Amino acid sequence: WIYLMSDALLFASLFATFGVLRFSFAGGPTPHHIFELELVALNTAI
């Protein structure tokens, strides 16, 4: 359980980092251009 809590902190920091950088596209592709929700939804169901 202690390990899982430490792992949760790891993912929390990664989510926080992503939240800060989620609009830093630097003129590159945006989520609308690169994500295929159908494929991701299939993977989520699996």
All heavy atoms as atom14 arrays in JSON, in Angstrom:
{
  "sequence": "WIYLMSDALLFASLFATFGVLRFSFAGGPTPHHIFELELVALNTAI",
  "atom14_mask": [
    [1, 1, 1, 1, 1, 1, 1, 1, 1, 1, 1, 1, 1, 1],
    [1, 1, 1, 1, 1, 1, 1, 1, 0, 0, 0, 0, 0, 0],
    [1, 1, 1, 1, 1, 1, 1, 1, 1, 1, 1, 1, 0, 0],
    [1, 1, 1, 1, 1, 1, 1, 1, 0, 0, 0, 0, 0, 0],
    [1, 1, 1, 1, 1, 1, 1, 1, 0, 0, 0, 0, 0, 0],
    [1, 1, 1, 1, 1, 1, 0, 0, 0, 0, 0, 0, 0, 0],
    [1, 1, 1, 1, 1, 1, 1, 1, 0, 0, 0, 0, 0, 0],
    [1, 1, 1, 1, 1, 0, 0, 0, 0, 0, 0, 0, 0, 0],
    [1, 1, 1, 1, 1, 1, 1, 1, 0, 0, 0, 0, 0, 0],
    [1, 1, 1, 1, 1, 1, 1, 1, 0, 0, 0, 0, 0, 0],
    [1, 1, 1, 1, 1, 1, 1, 1, 1, 1, 1, 0, 0, 0],
    [1, 1, 1, 1, 1, 0, 0, 0, 0, 0, 0, 0, 0, 0],
    [1, 1, 1, 1, 1, 1, 0, 0, 0, 0, 0, 0, 0, 0],
    [1, 1, 1, 1, 1, 1, 1, 1, 0, 0, 0, 0, 0, 0],
    [1, 1, 1, 1, 1, 1, 1, 1, 1, 1, 1, 0, 0, 0],
    [1, 1, 1, 1, 1, 0, 0, 0, 0, 0, 0, 0, 0, 0],
    [1, 1, 1, 1, 1, 1, 1, 0, 0, 0, 0, 0, 0, 0],
    [1, 1, 1, 1, 1, 1, 1, 1, 1, 1, 1, 0, 0, 0],
    [1, 1, 1, 1, 0, 0, 0, 0, 0, 0, 0, 0, 0, 0],
    [1, 1, 1, 1, 1, 1, 1, 0, 0, 0, 0, 0, 0, 0],
    [1, 1, 1, 1, 1, 1, 1, 1, 0, 0, 0, 0, 0, 0],
    [1, 1, 1, 1, 1, 1, 1, 1, 1, 1, 1, 0, 0, 0],
    [1, 1, 1, 1, 1, 1, 1, 1, 1, 1, 1, 0, 0, 0],
    [1, 1, 1, 1, 1, 1, 0, 0, 0, 0, 0, 0, 0, 0],
    [1, 1, 1, 1, 1, 1, 1, 1, 1, 1, 1, 0, 0, 0],
    [1, 1, 1, 1, 1, 0, 0, 0, 0, 0, 0, 0, 0, 0],
    [1, 1, 1, 1, 0, 0, 0, 0, 0, 0, 0, 0, 0, 0],
    [1, 1, 1, 1, 0, 0, 0, 0, 0, 0, 0, 0, 0, 0],
    [1, 1, 1, 1, 1, 1, 1, 0, 0, 0, 0, 0, 0, 0],
    [1, 1, 1, 1, 1, 1, 1, 0, 0, 0, 0, 0, 0, 0],
    [1, 1, 1, 1, 1, 1, 1, 0, 0, 0, 0, 0, 0, 0],
    [1, 1, 1, 1, 1, 1, 1, 1, 1, 1, 0, 0, 0, 0],
    [1, 1, 1, 1, 1, 1, 1, 1, 1, 1, 0, 0, 0, 0],
    [1, 1, 1, 1, 1, 1, 1, 1, 0, 0, 0, 0, 0, 0],
    [1, 1, 1, 1, 1, 1, 1, 1, 1, 1, 1, 0, 0, 0],
    [1, 1, 1, 1, 1, 1, 1, 1, 1, 0, 0, 0, 0, 0],
    [1, 1, 1, 1, 1, 1, 1, 1, 0, 0, 0, 0, 0, 0],
    [1, 1, 1, 1, 1, 1, 1, 1, 1, 0, 0, 0, 0, 0],
    [1, 1, 1, 1, 1, 1, 1, 1, 0, 0, 0, 0, 0, 0],
    [1, 1, 1, 1, 1, 1, 1, 0, 0, 0, 0, 0, 0, 0],
    [1, 1, 1, 1, 1, 0, 0, 0, 0, 0, 0, 0, 0, 0],
    [1, 1, 1, 1, 1, 1, 1, 1, 0, 0, 0, 0, 0, 0],
    [1, 1, 1, 1, 1, 1, 1, 1, 0, 0, 0, 0, 0, 0],
    [1, 1, 1, 1, 1, 1, 1, 0, 0, 0, 0, 0, 0, 0],
    [1, 1, 1, 1, 1, 0, 0, 0, 0, 0, 0, 0, 0, 0],
    [1, 1, 1, 1, 1, 1, 1, 1, 0, 0, 0, 0, 0, 0]
  ],
  "atom14_positions": [
    [[0.84, -1.21, 0.0], [0.0, 0.0, 0.0], [0.87, 1.26, 0.0], [0.57, 2.24, -0.69], [-0.92, 0.0, 1.23], [-2.25, -0.65, 0.99], [-2.7, -1.81, 1.54], [-3.3, -0.19, 0.13], [-3.96, -2.11, 1.08], [-4.36, -1.12, 0.22], [-3.45, 0.92, -0.69], [-5.55, -0.98, -0.49], [-4.64, 1.07, -1.4], [-5.66, 0.13, -1.29]],
    [[1.95, 1.22, 0.75], [2.87, 2.37, 0.77], [3.49, 2.57, -0.61], [3.63, 3.7, -1.08], [3.96, 2.16, 1.84], [3.32, 2.17, 3.24], [5.04, 3.23, 1.75], [4.28, 1.82, 4.35], [0.0, 0.0, 0.0], [0.0, 0.0, 0.0], [0.0, 0.0, 0.0], [0.0, 0.0, 0.0], [0.0, 0.0, 0.0], [0.0, 0.0, 0.0]],
    [[3.85, 1.46, -1.25], [4.38, 1.57, -2.62], [3.36, 2.2, -3.57], [3.69, 3.08, -4.37], [4.8, 0.2, -3.15], [4.86, 0.18, -4.66], [5.89, 0.83, -5.34], [3.87, -0.45, -5.4], [5.93, 0.84, -6.71], [3.9, -0.44, -6.78], [4.93, 0.2, -7.43], [4.95, 0.23, -8.8], [0.0, 0.0, 0.0], [0.0, 0.0, 0.0]],
    [[2.11, 1.74, -3.47], [1.07, 2.3, -4.35], [0.88, 3.79, -4.11], [0.66, 4.55, -5.06], [-0.25, 1.55, -4.14], [-0.35, 0.13, -4.7], [-1.75, -0.44, -4.46], [-0.04, 0.11, -6.2], [0.0, 0.0, 0.0], [0.0, 0.0, 0.0], [0.0, 0.0, 0.0], [0.0, 0.0, 0.0], [0.0, 0.0, 0.0], [0.0, 0.0, 0.0]],
    [[0.97, 4.21, -2.85], [0.84, 5.64, -2.57], [1.98, 6.44, -3.18], [1.79, 7.53, -3.72], [0.79, 5.86, -1.06], [-0.44, 5.3, -0.35], [-2.01, 5.94, -1.03], [-2.52, 4.57, -2.09], [0.0, 0.0, 0.0], [0.0, 0.0, 0.0], [0.0, 0.0, 0.0], [0.0, 0.0, 0.0], [0.0, 0.0, 0.0], [0.0, 0.0, 0.0]],
    [[3.19, 5.88, -3.13], [4.33, 6.56, -3.75], [4.18, 6.6, -5.27], [4.53, 7.59, -5.91], [5.64, 5.86, -3.36], [5.7, 4.55, -3.89], [0.0, 0.0, 0.0], [0.0, 0.0, 0.0], [0.0, 0.0, 0.0], [0.0, 0.0, 0.0], [0.0, 0.0, 0.0], [0.0, 0.0, 0.0], [0.0, 0.0, 0.0], [0.0, 0.0, 0.0]],
    [[3.64, 5.52, -5.83], [3.39, 5.5, -7.27], [2.3, 6.51, -7.64], [2.35, 7.12, -8.71], [2.97, 4.09, -7.7], [3.66, 3.67, -8.98], [4.67, 4.31, -9.37], [3.22, 2.69, -9.61], [0.0, 0.0, 0.0], [0.0, 0.0, 0.0], [0.0, 0.0, 0.0], [0.0, 0.0, 0.0], [0.0, 0.0, 0.0], [0.0, 0.0, 0.0]],
    [[1.31, 6.65, -6.77], [0.27, 7.64, -7.01], [0.86, 9.05, -7.03], [0.45, 9.9, -7.84], [-0.82, 7.53, -5.94], [0.0, 0.0, 0.0], [0.0, 0.0, 0.0], [0.0, 0.0, 0.0], [0.0, 0.0, 0.0], [0.0, 0.0, 0.0], [0.0, 0.0, 0.0], [0.0, 0.0, 0.0], [0.0, 0.0, 0.0], [0.0, 0.0, 0.0]],
    [[1.83, 9.3, -6.16], [2.5, 10.6, -6.16], [3.26, 10.81, -7.46], [3.3, 11.92, -8.01], [3.44, 10.71, -4.96], [2.78, 10.8, -3.59], [3.84, 10.8, -2.48], [1.92, 12.05, -3.49], [0.0, 0.0, 0.0], [0.0, 0.0, 0.0], [0.0, 0.0, 0.0], [0.0, 0.0, 0.0], [0.0, 0.0, 0.0], [0.0, 0.0, 0.0]],
    [[3.88, 9.75, -7.97], [4.58, 9.84, -9.25], [3.62, 10.25, -10.36], [3.9, 11.18, -11.13], [5.25, 8.5, -9.58], [5.79, 8.35, -11.01], [6.92, 9.33, -11.26], [6.24, 6.91, -11.27], [0.0, 0.0, 0.0], [0.0, 0.0, 0.0], [0.0, 0.0, 0.0], [0.0, 0.0, 0.0], [0.0, 0.0, 0.0], [0.0, 0.0, 0.0]],
    [[2.49, 9.56, -10.44], [1.53, 9.89, -11.49], [0.91, 11.26, -11.27], [0.6, 11.97, -12.23], [0.45, 8.81, -11.57], [0.86, 7.6, -12.36], [1.19, 6.42, -11.72], [0.93, 7.65, -13.74], [1.58, 5.31, -12.45], [1.31, 6.54, -14.48], [1.64, 5.36, -13.83], [0.0, 0.0, 0.0], [0.0, 0.0, 0.0], [0.0, 0.0, 0.0]],
    [[0.72, 11.65, -10.02], [0.19, 12.98, -9.74], [1.12, 14.06, -10.28], [0.68, 15.06, -10.86], [-0.03, 13.17, -8.25], [0.0, 0.0, 0.0], [0.0, 0.0, 0.0], [0.0, 0.0, 0.0], [0.0, 0.0, 0.0], [0.0, 0.0, 0.0], [0.0, 0.0, 0.0], [0.0, 0.0, 0.0], [0.0, 0.0, 0.0], [0.0, 0.0, 0.0]],
    [[2.43, 13.85, -10.11], [3.39, 14.83, -10.63], [3.38, 14.85, -12.15], [3.5, 15.91, -12.77], [4.8, 14.51, -10.11], [5.25, 13.26, -10.6], [0.0, 0.0, 0.0], [0.0, 0.0, 0.0], [0.0, 0.0, 0.0], [0.0, 0.0, 0.0], [0.0, 0.0, 0.0], [0.0, 0.0, 0.0], [0.0, 0.0, 0.0], [0.0, 0.0, 0.0]],
    [[3.2, 13.68, -12.77], [3.14, 13.63, -14.24], [1.87, 14.3, -14.75], [1.9, 15.0, -15.77], [3.21, 12.17, -14.71], [4.53, 11.45, -14.46], [4.45, 10.0, -14.93], [5.68, 12.16, -15.17], [0.0, 0.0, 0.0], [0.0, 0.0, 0.0], [0.0, 0.0, 0.0], [0.0, 0.0, 0.0], [0.0, 0.0, 0.0], [0.0, 0.0, 0.0]],
    [[0.74, 14.08, -14.06], [-0.5, 14.76, -14.45], [-0.35, 16.27, -14.3], [-0.82, 17.04, -15.15], [-1.66, 14.25, -13.6], [-2.34, 13.02, -14.12], [-2.19, 11.81, -13.47], [-3.11, 13.08, -15.27], [-2.82, 10.67, -13.95], [-3.74, 11.94, -15.77], [-3.59, 10.73, -15.1], [0.0, 0.0, 0.0], [0.0, 0.0, 0.0], [0.0, 0.0, 0.0]],
    [[0.28, 16.7, -13.2], [0.47, 18.13, -12.98], [1.35, 18.74, -14.07], [1.07, 19.83, -14.59], [1.08, 18.37, -11.61], [0.0, 0.0, 0.0], [0.0, 0.0, 0.0], [0.0, 0.0, 0.0], [0.0, 0.0, 0.0], [0.0, 0.0, 0.0], [0.0, 0.0, 0.0], [0.0, 0.0, 0.0], [0.0, 0.0, 0.0], [0.0, 0.0, 0.0]],
    [[2.41, 18.03, -14.43], [3.29, 18.52, -15.5], [2.55, 18.61, -16.82], [2.68, 19.6, -17.56], [4.51, 17.59, -15.65], [5.21, 17.53, -14.41], [5.45, 18.08, -16.73], [0.0, 0.0, 0.0], [0.0, 0.0, 0.0], [0.0, 0.0, 0.0], [0.0, 0.0, 0.0], [0.0, 0.0, 0.0], [0.0, 0.0, 0.0], [0.0, 0.0, 0.0]],
    [[1.77, 17.6, -17.11], [0.99, 17.62, -18.36], [-0.01, 18.77, -18.34], [-0.22, 19.44, -19.36], [0.26, 16.29, -18.54], [-0.55, 16.23, -19.81], [0.03, 15.85, -21.0], [-1.9, 16.56, -19.81], [-0.7, 15.8, -22.18], [-2.65, 16.52, -20.96], [-2.05, 16.14, -22.16], [0.0, 0.0, 0.0], [0.0, 0.0, 0.0], [0.0, 0.0, 0.0]],
    [[-0.63, 19.0, -17.17], [-1.59, 20.1, -17.08], [-0.96, 21.45, -17.36], [-1.57, 22.32, -17.99], [0.0, 0.0, 0.0], [0.0, 0.0, 0.0], [0.0, 0.0, 0.0], [0.0, 0.0, 0.0], [0.0, 0.0, 0.0], [0.0, 0.0, 0.0], [0.0, 0.0, 0.0], [0.0, 0.0, 0.0], [0.0, 0.0, 0.0], [0.0, 0.0, 0.0]],
    [[0.28, 21.63, -16.91], [0.98, 22.89, -17.15], [1.35, 23.05, -18.62], [1.28, 24.15, -19.18], [2.24, 22.98, -16.27], [3.09, 24.19, -16.64], [1.86, 23.05, -14.8], [0.0, 0.0, 0.0], [0.0, 0.0, 0.0], [0.0, 0.0, 0.0], [0.0, 0.0, 0.0], [0.0, 0.0, 0.0], [0.0, 0.0, 0.0], [0.0, 0.0, 0.0]],
    [[1.7, 21.93, -19.28], [2.22, 21.98, -20.65], [1.17, 21.62, -21.71], [1.52, 21.51, -22.88], [3.42, 21.03, -20.79], [4.6, 21.31, -19.85], [5.67, 20.24, -20.02], [5.19, 22.69, -20.13], [0.0, 0.0, 0.0], [0.0, 0.0, 0.0], [0.0, 0.0, 0.0], [0.0, 0.0, 0.0], [0.0, 0.0, 0.0], [0.0, 0.0, 0.0]],
    [[-0.08, 21.46, -21.31], [-1.08, 20.92, -22.24], [-1.39, 21.84, -23.42], [-1.97, 21.4, -24.41], [-2.37, 20.58, -21.51], [-3.04, 21.73, -20.81], [-4.25, 21.25, -20.06], [-5.2, 20.59, -20.93], [-6.51, 20.76, -20.87], [-7.02, 21.6, -19.97], [-7.32, 20.12, -21.68], [0.0, 0.0, 0.0], [0.0, 0.0, 0.0], [0.0, 0.0, 0.0]],
    [[-1.0, 23.11, -23.35], [-1.22, 24.01, -24.48], [0.09, 24.49, -25.11], [0.09, 25.4, -25.93], [-2.04, 25.23, -24.04], [-3.42, 24.88, -23.55], [-3.77, 25.08, -22.23], [-4.35, 24.32, -24.42], [-5.04, 24.76, -21.77], [-5.62, 23.99, -23.97], [-5.97, 24.21, -22.65], [0.0, 0.0, 0.0], [0.0, 0.0, 0.0], [0.0, 0.0, 0.0]],
    [[1.19, 23.85, -24.74], [2.51, 24.24, -25.27], [2.8, 23.44, -26.53], [3.63, 22.52, -26.54], [3.59, 24.01, -24.2], [3.32, 24.75, -23.04], [0.0, 0.0, 0.0], [0.0, 0.0, 0.0], [0.0, 0.0, 0.0], [0.0, 0.0, 0.0], [0.0, 0.0, 0.0], [0.0, 0.0, 0.0], [0.0, 0.0, 0.0], [0.0, 0.0, 0.0]],
    [[2.13, 23.8, -27.62], [2.25, 23.03, -28.87], [3.45, 23.45, -29.71], [3.85, 22.72, -30.62], [0.97, 23.18, -29.69], [-0.27, 22.77, -28.95], [-1.35, 23.63, -28.85], [-0.37, 21.52, -28.36], [-2.5, 23.26, -28.17], [-1.52, 21.14, -27.68], [-2.59, 22.01, -27.58], [0.0, 0.0, 0.0], [0.0, 0.0, 0.0], [0.0, 0.0, 0.0]],
    [[4.0, 24.65, -29.46], [5.16, 25.15, -30.2], [4.94, 25.11, -31.71], [5.84, 24.8, -32.48], [6.41, 24.34, -29.83], [0.0, 0.0, 0.0], [0.0, 0.0, 0.0], [0.0, 0.0, 0.0], [0.0, 0.0, 0.0], [0.0, 0.0, 0.0], [0.0, 0.0, 0.0], [0.0, 0.0, 0.0], [0.0, 0.0, 0.0], [0.0, 0.0, 0.0]],
    [[3.72, 25.4, -32.12], [3.42, 25.4, -33.54], [3.27, 24.01, -34.13], [3.11, 23.86, -35.35], [0.0, 0.0, 0.0], [0.0, 0.0, 0.0], [0.0, 0.0, 0.0], [0.0, 0.0, 0.0], [0.0, 0.0, 0.0], [0.0, 0.0, 0.0], [0.0, 0.0, 0.0], [0.0, 0.0, 0.0], [0.0, 0.0, 0.0], [0.0, 0.0, 0.0]],
    [[3.32, 22.99, -33.29], [3.22, 21.62, -33.78], [1.79, 21.11, -33.77], [0.83, 21.87, -33.56], [0.0, 0.0, 0.0], [0.0, 0.0, 0.0], [0.0, 0.0, 0.0], [0.0, 0.0, 0.0], [0.0, 0.0, 0.0], [0.0, 0.0, 0.0], [0.0, 0.0, 0.0], [0.0, 0.0, 0.0], [0.0, 0.0, 0.0], [0.0, 0.0, 0.0]],
    [[1.63, 19.8, -33.95], [0.28, 19.22, -34.0], [-0.43, 19.32, -32.65], [0.2, 19.25, -31.59], [0.54, 17.77, -34.38], [1.94, 17.5, -33.95], [2.68, 18.8, -34.14], [0.0, 0.0, 0.0], [0.0, 0.0, 0.0], [0.0, 0.0, 0.0], [0.0, 0.0, 0.0], [0.0, 0.0, 0.0], [0.0, 0.0, 0.0], [0.0, 0.0, 0.0]],
    [[-1.73, 19.5, -32.7], [-2.56, 19.58, -31.51], [-3.29, 18.25, -31.32], [-3.29, 17.39, -32.21], [-3.58, 20.71, -31.65], [-4.5, 20.38, -32.71], [-2.88, 22.04, -31.98], [0.0, 0.0, 0.0], [0.0, 0.0, 0.0], [0.0, 0.0, 0.0], [0.0, 0.0, 0.0], [0.0, 0.0, 0.0], [0.0, 0.0, 0.0], [0.0, 0.0, 0.0]],
    [[-3.9, 18.04, -30.16], [-4.63, 16.79, -29.94], [-5.68, 16.5, -31.01], [-5.93, 15.33, -31.34], [-5.27, 17.0, -28.57], [-4.39, 17.97, -27.89], [-3.88, 18.88, -28.94], [0.0, 0.0, 0.0], [0.0, 0.0, 0.0], [0.0, 0.0, 0.0], [0.0, 0.0, 0.0], [0.0, 0.0, 0.0], [0.0, 0.0, 0.0], [0.0, 0.0, 0.0]],
    [[-6.3, 17.53, -31.55], [-7.32, 17.33, -32.58], [-6.72, 16.65, -33.82], [-7.43, 15.94, -34.55], [-7.93, 18.67, -32.98], [-8.68, 19.34, -31.88], [-9.99, 19.03, -31.58], [-8.31, 20.29, -30.98], [-10.4, 19.76, -30.55], [-9.4, 20.54, -30.17], [0.0, 0.0, 0.0], [0.0, 0.0, 0.0], [0.0, 0.0, 0.0], [0.0, 0.0, 0.0]],
    [[-5.43, 16.86, -34.06], [-4.8, 16.33, -35.27], [-4.17, 14.95, -35.08], [-3.95, 14.24, -36.05], [-3.73, 17.3, -35.77], [-4.26, 18.65, -36.14], [-4.04, 19.77, -35.36], [-4.99, 19.08, -37.2], [-4.62, 20.82, -35.93], [-5.22, 20.43, -37.04], [0.0, 0.0, 0.0], [0.0, 0.0, 0.0], [0.0, 0.0, 0.0], [0.0, 0.0, 0.0]],
    [[-3.85, 14.58, -33.86], [-3.07, 13.36, -33.66], [-3.82, 12.23, -32.97], [-3.42, 11.06, -33.1], [-1.78, 13.68, -32.86], [-2.12, 14.23, -31.48], [-0.89, 14.65, -33.62], [-0.91, 14.48, -30.6], [0.0, 0.0, 0.0], [0.0, 0.0, 0.0], [0.0, 0.0, 0.0], [0.0, 0.0, 0.0], [0.0, 0.0, 0.0], [0.0, 0.0, 0.0]],
    [[-4.89, 12.53, -32.25], [-5.56, 11.48, -31.49], [-6.67, 10.83, -32.29], [-7.43, 11.51, -32.99], [-6.15, 12.03, -30.18], [-5.1, 12.42, -29.17], [-5.39, 13.37, -28.19], [-3.85, 11.85, -29.19], [-4.43, 13.73, -27.26], [-2.88, 12.21, -28.26], [-3.18, 13.15, -27.3], [0.0, 0.0, 0.0], [0.0, 0.0, 0.0], [0.0, 0.0, 0.0]],
    [[-6.77, 9.5, -32.17], [-7.88, 8.73, -32.73], [-8.68, 8.18, -31.55], [-8.32, 7.16, -30.95], [-7.38, 7.59, -33.6], [-6.63, 8.04, -34.86], [-6.19, 6.87, -35.71], [-6.74, 5.75, -35.51], [-5.32, 7.06, -36.56], [0.0, 0.0, 0.0], [0.0, 0.0, 0.0], [0.0, 0.0, 0.0], [0.0, 0.0, 0.0], [0.0, 0.0, 0.0]],
    [[-9.76, 8.86, -31.22], [-10.52, 8.48, -30.03], [-11.09, 7.07, -30.12], [-11.23, 6.38, -29.11], [-11.64, 9.48, -29.79], [-11.27, 10.76, -29.02], [-12.5, 11.58, -28.73], [-10.53, 10.43, -27.73], [0.0, 0.0, 0.0], [0.0, 0.0, 0.0], [0.0, 0.0, 0.0], [0.0, 0.0, 0.0], [0.0, 0.0, 0.0], [0.0, 0.0, 0.0]],
    [[-11.41, 6.63, -31.33], [-11.96, 5.27, -31.48], [-10.94, 4.23, -31.02], [-11.28, 3.28, -30.3], [-12.36, 5.01, -32.93], [-13.51, 5.86, -33.45], [-13.04, 7.25, -33.9], [-11.8, 7.49, -33.85], [-13.89, 8.07, -34.28], [0.0, 0.0, 0.0], [0.0, 0.0, 0.0], [0.0, 0.0, 0.0], [0.0, 0.0, 0.0], [0.0, 0.0, 0.0]],
    [[-9.69, 4.43, -31.44], [-8.64, 3.48, -31.05], [-8.37, 3.55, -29.55], [-8.23, 2.51, -28.88], [-7.36, 3.81, -31.82], [-6.16, 2.87, -31.57], [-6.49, 1.47, -32.05], [-4.91, 3.4, -32.27], [0.0, 0.0, 0.0], [0.0, 0.0, 0.0], [0.0, 0.0, 0.0], [0.0, 0.0, 0.0], [0.0, 0.0, 0.0], [0.0, 0.0, 0.0]],
    [[-8.35, 4.75, -29.0], [-8.1, 4.91, -27.56], [-9.27, 4.33, -26.77], [-9.07, 3.72, -25.71], [-7.88, 6.39, -27.22], [-7.62, 6.55, -25.72], [-6.71, 6.96, -28.01], [0.0, 0.0, 0.0], [0.0, 0.0, 0.0], [0.0, 0.0, 0.0], [0.0, 0.0, 0.0], [0.0, 0.0, 0.0], [0.0, 0.0, 0.0], [0.0, 0.0, 0.0]],
    [[-10.49, 4.53, -27.26], [-11.66, 3.97, -26.57], [-11.61, 2.45, -26.57], [-11.95, 1.8, -25.57], [-12.94, 4.47, -27.24], [0.0, 0.0, 0.0], [0.0, 0.0, 0.0], [0.0, 0.0, 0.0], [0.0, 0.0, 0.0], [0.0, 0.0, 0.0], [0.0, 0.0, 0.0], [0.0, 0.0, 0.0], [0.0, 0.0, 0.0], [0.0, 0.0, 0.0]],
    [[-11.17, 1.86, -27.69], [-11.01, 0.4, -27.75], [-9.99, -0.06, -26.73], [-10.2, -1.05, -26.01], [-10.6, -0.01, -29.16], [-10.21, -1.49, -29.33], [-11.39, -2.4, -29.03], [-9.67, -1.75, -30.74], [0.0, 0.0, 0.0], [0.0, 0.0, 0.0], [0.0, 0.0, 0.0], [0.0, 0.0, 0.0], [0.0, 0.0, 0.0], [0.0, 0.0, 0.0]],
    [[-8.87, 0.66, -26.65], [-7.84, 0.28, -25.69], [-8.33, 0.43, -24.26], [-7.99, -0.38, -23.38], [-6.6, 1.16, -25.92], [-5.32, 0.36, -25.81], [-5.33, -0.86, -25.9], [-4.2, 1.05, -25.64], [0.0, 0.0, 0.0], [0.0, 0.0, 0.0], [0.0, 0.0, 0.0], [0.0, 0.0, 0.0], [0.0, 0.0, 0.0], [0.0, 0.0, 0.0]],
    [[-9.13, 1.45, -24.01], [-9.7, 1.64, -22.67], [-10.63, 0.49, -22.32], [-10.59, -0.03, -21.19], [-10.47, 2.97, -22.61], [-9.58, 4.04, -22.93], [-11.08, 3.19, -21.24], [0.0, 0.0, 0.0], [0.0, 0.0, 0.0], [0.0, 0.0, 0.0], [0.0, 0.0, 0.0], [0.0, 0.0, 0.0], [0.0, 0.0, 0.0], [0.0, 0.0, 0.0]],
    [[-11.44, 0.06, -23.28], [-12.35, -1.07, -23.03], [-11.57, -2.34, -22.73], [-11.96, -3.14, -21.87], [-13.26, -1.26, -24.24], [0.0, 0.0, 0.0], [0.0, 0.0, 0.0], [0.0, 0.0, 0.0], [0.0, 0.0, 0.0], [0.0, 0.0, 0.0], [0.0, 0.0, 0.0], [0.0, 0.0, 0.0], [0.0, 0.0, 0.0], [0.0, 0.0, 0.0]],
    [[-10.45, -2.53, -23.43], [-9.63, -3.73, -23.2], [-9.07, -3.73, -21.79], [-9.11, -4.75, -21.08], [-8.49, -3.79, -24.24], [-9.05, -4.11, -25.62], [-7.44, -4.82, -23.84], [-8.03, -4.05, -26.74], [0.0, 0.0, 0.0], [0.0, 0.0, 0.0], [0.0, 0.0, 0.0], [0.0, 0.0, 0.0], [0.0, 0.0, 0.0], [0.0, 0.0, 0.0]]
  ]
}
